[in-house]
C-alpha atoms as a PDB file:
ATOM      1  CA  MET A   1     -16.128  25.293  -0.204  1.00  0.00           C
ATOM      2  CA  LEU A   2     -12.749  25.349  -1.907  1.00  0.00           C
ATOM      3  CA  ASP A   3     -11.733  28.534  -3.651  1.00  0.00           C
ATOM      4  CA  PRO A   4      -9.834  27.677  -6.867  1.00  0.00           C
ATOM      5  CA  GLY A   5      -8.445  31.234  -6.925  1.00  0.00           C
ATOM      6  CA  VAL A   6      -6.533  30.758  -3.679  1.00  0.00           C
ATOM      7  CA  PRO A   7      -3.201  28.929  -4.029  1.00  0.00           C
ATOM      8  CA  GLY A   8      -3.108  25.774  -1.953  1.00  0.00           C
ATOM      9  CA  SER A   9      -6.866  25.657  -1.389  1.00  0.00           C
ATOM     10  CA  ARG A  10      -7.380  22.594  -3.620  1.00  0.00           C
ATOM     11  CA  PRO A  11      -6.360  19.128  -2.499  1.00  0.00           C
ATOM     12  CA  PRO A  12      -3.973  17.282  -4.804  1.00  0.00           C
ATOM     13  CA  LEU A  13      -5.759  15.358  -7.528  1.00  0.00           C
ATOM     14  CA  ARG A  14      -3.574  12.277  -7.085  1.00  0.00           C
ATOM     15  CA  ARG A  15      -0.864  10.988  -4.815  1.00  0.00           C
ATOM     16  CA  THR A  16       2.745  11.283  -5.837  1.00  0.00           C
ATOM     17  CA  GLN A  17       4.709   8.221  -6.919  1.00  0.00           C
ATOM     18  CA  ALA A  18       6.599   8.348  -3.618  1.00  0.00           C
ATOM     19  CA  GLU A  19       3.317   8.311  -1.671  1.00  0.00           C
ATOM     20  CA  ARG A  20       1.976   5.385  -3.699  1.00  0.00           C
ATOM     21  CA  ARG A  21       5.237   3.468  -3.271  1.00  0.00           C
ATOM     22  CA  ALA A  22       5.260   4.071   0.501  1.00  0.00           C
ATOM     23  CA  ALA A  23       1.651   2.880   0.806  1.00  0.00           C
ATOM     24  CA  THR A  24       2.416  -0.284  -1.177  1.00  0.00           C
ATOM     25  CA  GLN A  25       5.517  -1.024   0.878  1.00  0.00           C
ATOM     26  CA  ALA A  26       3.594  -0.525   4.124  1.00  0.00           C
ATOM     27  CA  ALA A  27       0.820  -2.844   2.925  1.00  0.00           C
ATOM     28  CA  LEU A  28       3.356  -5.516   1.955  1.00  0.00           C
ATOM     29  CA  VAL A  29       5.215  -5.305   5.268  1.00  0.00           C
ATOM     30  CA  GLY A  30       1.969  -5.485   7.229  1.00  0.00           C
ATOM     31  CA  ALA A  31       0.742  -8.444   5.204  1.00  0.00           C
ATOM     32  CA  THR A  32       4.080 -10.219   5.576  1.00  0.00           C
ATOM     33  CA  VAL A  33       4.110  -9.804   9.351  1.00  0.00           C
ATOM     34  CA  GLY A  34       0.505 -10.991   9.563  1.00  0.00           C
ATOM     35  CA  CYS A  35       1.295 -14.085   7.501  1.00  0.00           C
ATOM     36  CA  LEU A  36       4.363 -14.923   9.550  1.00  0.00           C
ATOM     37  CA  VAL A  37       2.450 -14.575  12.813  1.00  0.00           C
ATOM     38  CA  GLU A  38      -0.565 -16.564  11.645  1.00  0.00           C
ATOM     39  CA  LEU A  39       1.016 -19.103   9.295  1.00  0.00           C
ATOM     40  CA  GLY A  40       4.643 -19.283  10.359  1.00  0.00           C
ATOM     41  CA  HIS A  41       7.676 -19.214   8.092  1.00  0.00           C
ATOM     42  CA  ALA A  42       6.836 -22.456   6.313  1.00  0.00           C
ATOM     43  CA  GLY A  43       3.244 -21.399   5.599  1.00  0.00           C
ATOM     44  CA  THR A  44       3.970 -17.888   4.343  1.00  0.00           C
ATOM     45  CA  THR A  45       3.965 -17.570   0.567  1.00  0.00           C
ATOM     46  CA  THR A  46       4.402 -14.597  -1.731  1.00  0.00           C
ATOM     47  CA  GLN A  47       0.960 -15.325  -3.136  1.00  0.00           C
ATOM     48  CA  GLU A  48      -0.630 -15.073   0.309  1.00  0.00           C
ATOM     49  CA  VAL A  49       1.257 -11.886   1.124  1.00  0.00           C
ATOM     50  CA  GLN A  50       0.155 -10.230  -2.129  1.00  0.00           C
ATOM     51  CA  ARG A  51      -3.445 -11.330  -1.577  1.00  0.00           C
ATOM     52  CA  ARG A  52      -3.530  -9.856   1.915  1.00  0.00           C
ATOM     53  CA  ALA A  53      -1.793  -6.668   0.810  1.00  0.00           C
ATOM     54  CA  GLY A  54      -4.187  -6.242  -2.096  1.00  0.00           C
ATOM     55  CA  VAL A  55      -1.461  -5.904  -4.712  1.00  0.00           C
ATOM     56  CA  SER A  56      -0.794  -7.704  -7.954  1.00  0.00           C
ATOM     57  CA  ARG A  57       2.255  -9.840  -8.543  1.00  0.00           C
ATOM     58  CA  GLY A  58       3.799  -7.752 -11.299  1.00  0.00           C
ATOM     59  CA  ARG A  59       6.807  -8.886 -13.289  1.00  0.00           C
END
């Protein structure tokens, strides 16, 4: 059991922005490589990469 009275005994409630950004970038790179391997340059689209990475398009 976690002791709230002991500093450092509780896990962080949410990831930092840097951690979220790194995870998104890793997902996008992995999805891009997978698309290029499976579909080739001509068949790789940003829509397919975002679908595989599980991210939204954004603006």
